[in-house]
N, C-alpha and C. Protein backbone atom coordinates (compact mmCIF):
# COMPACT_ATOMS: atom_id res chain seq x y z
N MET A 1 113.58 109.37 91.47
CA MET A 1 112.14 109.41 91.34
C MET A 1 111.54 108.48 92.43
N ALA A 2 110.58 109.02 93.13
CA ALA A 2 109.79 108.19 94.05
C ALA A 2 108.58 107.67 93.29
N THR A 3 108.38 106.34 93.34
CA THR A 3 107.29 105.73 92.58
C THR A 3 106.37 104.96 93.48
N SER A 4 105.09 105.16 93.28
CA SER A 4 104.03 104.36 93.90
C SER A 4 103.37 103.50 92.80
N ILE A 5 103.26 102.22 93.00
CA ILE A 5 102.70 101.32 92.01
C ILE A 5 101.37 100.79 92.51
N LYS A 6 100.35 100.97 91.71
CA LYS A 6 99.00 100.53 92.06
C LYS A 6 98.39 99.80 90.90
N SER A 7 97.39 98.97 91.15
CA SER A 7 96.63 98.35 90.07
C SER A 7 95.15 98.52 90.37
N MET A 8 94.36 98.58 89.28
CA MET A 8 92.92 98.71 89.45
C MET A 8 92.21 97.69 88.54
N VAL A 9 91.28 96.96 89.11
CA VAL A 9 90.36 96.14 88.34
C VAL A 9 89.12 97.03 88.08
N LEU A 10 89.11 97.61 86.90
CA LEU A 10 88.12 98.68 86.64
C LEU A 10 86.68 98.19 86.81
N THR A 11 86.42 96.90 86.58
CA THR A 11 85.04 96.41 86.72
C THR A 11 84.56 96.49 88.18
N GLY A 12 85.46 96.66 89.09
CA GLY A 12 85.08 96.79 90.53
C GLY A 12 84.78 98.20 90.93
N TYR A 13 84.89 99.18 90.06
CA TYR A 13 84.66 100.59 90.41
C TYR A 13 83.48 101.09 89.60
N GLN A 14 82.29 100.79 90.06
CA GLN A 14 81.06 101.16 89.31
C GLN A 14 80.39 102.40 89.75
N GLY A 15 80.70 102.91 90.93
CA GLY A 15 80.07 104.10 91.45
C GLY A 15 80.47 105.36 90.71
N LYS A 16 79.65 106.36 90.78
CA LYS A 16 79.96 107.64 90.11
C LYS A 16 81.26 108.22 90.67
N ASN A 17 82.20 108.47 89.79
CA ASN A 17 83.54 109.04 90.17
C ASN A 17 84.34 108.10 91.04
N ALA A 18 84.00 106.82 91.10
CA ALA A 18 84.77 105.90 91.95
C ALA A 18 86.22 105.78 91.55
N VAL A 19 86.45 105.68 90.23
CA VAL A 19 87.82 105.58 89.74
C VAL A 19 88.64 106.86 90.06
N TYR A 20 88.04 108.02 89.73
CA TYR A 20 88.72 109.30 89.99
C TYR A 20 88.97 109.47 91.51
N ASN A 21 87.98 109.20 92.37
CA ASN A 21 88.19 109.40 93.78
C ASN A 21 89.28 108.52 94.34
N THR A 22 89.34 107.28 93.86
CA THR A 22 90.40 106.36 94.32
C THR A 22 91.76 106.89 93.85
N LEU A 23 91.86 107.25 92.56
CA LEU A 23 93.15 107.76 92.09
C LEU A 23 93.55 109.09 92.76
N LYS A 24 92.58 109.92 93.02
CA LYS A 24 92.87 111.19 93.70
C LYS A 24 93.46 110.90 95.09
N GLY A 25 92.91 109.89 95.76
CA GLY A 25 93.45 109.49 97.09
C GLY A 25 94.91 109.04 96.97
N TYR A 26 95.20 108.23 95.96
CA TYR A 26 96.59 107.76 95.74
C TYR A 26 97.49 108.98 95.48
N ILE A 27 97.04 109.90 94.62
CA ILE A 27 97.83 111.09 94.27
C ILE A 27 98.06 111.97 95.48
N ASP A 28 97.01 112.21 96.26
CA ASP A 28 97.16 113.05 97.45
C ASP A 28 98.16 112.42 98.44
N LYS A 29 98.11 111.14 98.63
CA LYS A 29 99.02 110.46 99.55
C LYS A 29 100.46 110.58 99.05
N LEU A 30 100.66 110.40 97.73
CA LEU A 30 102.00 110.50 97.15
C LEU A 30 102.47 111.93 97.23
N ALA A 31 101.60 112.89 97.04
CA ALA A 31 101.99 114.34 97.14
C ALA A 31 102.45 114.70 98.56
N ARG A 32 101.87 114.06 99.56
CA ARG A 32 102.29 114.32 100.93
C ARG A 32 103.57 113.59 101.34
N PHE A 33 103.97 112.59 100.57
CA PHE A 33 105.17 111.81 100.88
C PHE A 33 106.41 112.63 100.80
N THR A 34 107.23 112.62 101.86
CA THR A 34 108.50 113.34 101.78
C THR A 34 109.68 112.45 102.11
N ASN A 35 109.50 111.46 103.02
CA ASN A 35 110.64 110.59 103.39
C ASN A 35 110.12 109.28 103.96
N ALA A 36 111.05 108.30 103.98
CA ALA A 36 110.71 107.01 104.58
C ALA A 36 111.98 106.32 104.95
N ARG A 37 111.88 105.42 105.92
CA ARG A 37 113.03 104.66 106.38
C ARG A 37 112.59 103.18 106.51
N GLN A 38 113.40 102.28 105.96
CA GLN A 38 113.17 100.84 106.09
C GLN A 38 114.49 100.20 106.42
N GLY A 39 114.66 99.82 107.70
CA GLY A 39 115.95 99.29 108.12
C GLY A 39 117.04 100.36 107.99
N THR A 40 118.10 100.05 107.22
CA THR A 40 119.15 100.98 107.04
C THR A 40 118.97 101.86 105.79
N LEU A 41 117.94 101.62 105.02
CA LEU A 41 117.68 102.37 103.81
C LEU A 41 116.75 103.57 104.14
N SER A 42 117.17 104.75 103.72
CA SER A 42 116.29 105.91 103.90
C SER A 42 116.14 106.65 102.57
N VAL A 43 114.97 107.22 102.38
CA VAL A 43 114.66 107.97 101.16
C VAL A 43 114.18 109.35 101.64
N LYS A 44 114.77 110.38 101.06
CA LYS A 44 114.45 111.72 101.47
C LYS A 44 114.28 112.60 100.26
N GLU A 45 113.21 113.43 100.28
CA GLU A 45 112.90 114.33 99.14
C GLU A 45 114.06 115.32 98.98
N GLY A 46 114.45 115.56 97.70
CA GLY A 46 115.49 116.48 97.39
C GLY A 46 116.86 115.86 97.30
N THR A 47 117.10 114.82 98.09
CA THR A 47 118.41 114.17 97.99
C THR A 47 118.29 112.78 97.35
N SER A 48 117.27 112.01 97.68
CA SER A 48 117.08 110.68 97.13
C SER A 48 116.24 110.73 95.87
N TYR A 49 115.38 111.67 95.74
CA TYR A 49 114.51 111.79 94.57
C TYR A 49 114.08 113.23 94.38
N THR A 50 113.77 113.60 93.16
CA THR A 50 113.32 114.95 92.87
C THR A 50 111.96 114.97 92.14
N SER A 51 111.43 113.78 91.85
CA SER A 51 110.10 113.73 91.23
C SER A 51 109.33 112.54 91.76
N LYS A 52 108.01 112.58 91.56
CA LYS A 52 107.17 111.51 92.04
C LYS A 52 106.29 110.99 90.89
N THR A 53 106.10 109.68 90.84
CA THR A 53 105.31 109.05 89.78
C THR A 53 104.36 108.04 90.41
N LEU A 54 103.16 108.02 89.90
CA LEU A 54 102.19 106.98 90.21
C LEU A 54 102.08 106.10 89.00
N GLU A 55 102.43 104.81 89.14
CA GLU A 55 102.27 103.84 88.04
C GLU A 55 100.99 103.08 88.30
N LEU A 56 100.09 103.10 87.34
CA LEU A 56 98.81 102.43 87.45
C LEU A 56 98.68 101.34 86.43
N ALA A 57 98.43 100.14 86.87
CA ALA A 57 98.23 98.99 85.99
C ALA A 57 96.73 98.72 85.87
N VAL A 58 96.27 98.63 84.61
CA VAL A 58 94.87 98.28 84.33
C VAL A 58 94.85 97.21 83.25
N GLN A 59 93.81 96.40 83.29
CA GLN A 59 93.67 95.30 82.28
C GLN A 59 93.32 95.84 80.89
N THR A 60 93.92 95.22 79.88
CA THR A 60 93.62 95.62 78.51
C THR A 60 92.16 95.34 78.20
N GLY A 61 91.52 96.30 77.51
CA GLY A 61 90.14 96.11 77.07
C GLY A 61 89.11 96.29 78.16
N LYS A 62 89.51 96.70 79.33
CA LYS A 62 88.56 96.89 80.45
C LYS A 62 88.32 98.35 80.68
N GLY A 63 87.19 98.62 81.25
CA GLY A 63 86.88 100.02 81.62
C GLY A 63 85.96 100.69 80.60
N SER A 64 85.02 101.42 81.13
CA SER A 64 84.06 102.13 80.25
C SER A 64 84.70 103.45 79.81
N THR A 65 84.01 104.10 78.87
CA THR A 65 84.45 105.41 78.42
C THR A 65 84.45 106.41 79.60
N ASP A 66 83.47 106.29 80.46
CA ASP A 66 83.40 107.18 81.60
C ASP A 66 84.58 106.92 82.54
N GLN A 67 84.92 105.67 82.79
CA GLN A 67 86.03 105.32 83.64
C GLN A 67 87.37 105.86 83.07
N TRP A 68 87.56 105.74 81.76
CA TRP A 68 88.78 106.28 81.16
C TRP A 68 88.76 107.81 81.23
N GLY A 69 87.62 108.40 81.17
CA GLY A 69 87.55 109.84 81.37
C GLY A 69 87.98 110.24 82.79
N GLN A 70 87.58 109.42 83.72
CA GLN A 70 88.00 109.68 85.13
C GLN A 70 89.51 109.48 85.28
N ILE A 71 90.04 108.53 84.61
CA ILE A 71 91.51 108.34 84.66
C ILE A 71 92.21 109.57 84.06
N ASN A 72 91.75 110.02 82.93
CA ASN A 72 92.33 111.24 82.31
C ASN A 72 92.21 112.46 83.21
N ARG A 73 91.07 112.57 83.89
CA ARG A 73 90.91 113.68 84.83
C ARG A 73 91.91 113.56 85.99
N ALA A 74 92.12 112.32 86.46
CA ALA A 74 93.11 112.11 87.54
C ALA A 74 94.51 112.40 87.09
N ILE A 75 94.81 112.11 85.83
CA ILE A 75 96.16 112.41 85.28
C ILE A 75 96.37 113.93 85.32
N LYS A 76 95.38 114.70 84.93
CA LYS A 76 95.48 116.16 84.99
C LYS A 76 95.64 116.66 86.43
N TYR A 77 94.89 116.07 87.34
CA TYR A 77 94.99 116.41 88.75
C TYR A 77 96.39 116.13 89.25
N GLY A 78 96.93 114.93 88.86
CA GLY A 78 98.28 114.60 89.27
C GLY A 78 99.28 115.59 88.80
N LEU A 79 99.21 115.95 87.55
CA LEU A 79 100.16 116.94 86.98
C LEU A 79 100.05 118.28 87.71
N ASP A 80 98.84 118.66 88.07
CA ASP A 80 98.65 119.91 88.83
C ASP A 80 99.33 119.84 90.18
N ASN A 81 99.56 118.63 90.69
CA ASN A 81 100.20 118.42 91.99
C ASN A 81 101.58 117.86 91.86
N ASP A 82 102.22 118.05 90.69
CA ASP A 82 103.58 117.59 90.43
C ASP A 82 103.78 116.09 90.54
N ILE A 83 102.75 115.34 90.23
CA ILE A 83 102.81 113.87 90.21
C ILE A 83 102.62 113.43 88.78
N ASN A 84 103.60 112.68 88.28
CA ASN A 84 103.49 112.08 86.95
C ASN A 84 102.74 110.78 87.07
N ILE A 85 101.88 110.45 86.10
CA ILE A 85 101.13 109.20 86.14
C ILE A 85 101.43 108.44 84.89
N THR A 86 101.78 107.18 85.07
CA THR A 86 102.07 106.27 83.97
C THR A 86 101.03 105.18 84.00
N ILE A 87 100.40 104.93 82.86
CA ILE A 87 99.41 103.85 82.77
C ILE A 87 100.09 102.62 82.13
N ARG A 88 99.99 101.49 82.75
CA ARG A 88 100.52 100.25 82.21
C ARG A 88 99.31 99.36 81.95
N VAL A 89 99.12 98.99 80.71
CA VAL A 89 98.03 98.08 80.30
C VAL A 89 98.53 96.70 80.36
N ILE A 90 97.90 95.84 81.12
CA ILE A 90 98.34 94.45 81.34
C ILE A 90 97.27 93.49 80.88
N ARG A 91 97.66 92.27 80.62
CA ARG A 91 96.72 91.22 80.23
C ARG A 91 96.11 90.59 81.43
């Protein structure tokens, strides 16, 4: 599994669709990812991993109903693009 880990401070995303648009950008970038090399380590789609996941950390008790709706919309968008999204609620 190829994993991208991101965090969002939801109070900083006040514009209309700001949360969704940010997450969509992360999803699109991960969807385009096929391989990478760092020193002697290389990762290649199909041999090193067969699925992609975006892990998103958000603070507990933060975010409006609208922002959580945008997150849910982004989860559906991710699934439509073969990207799994895991939400981690942190303190």
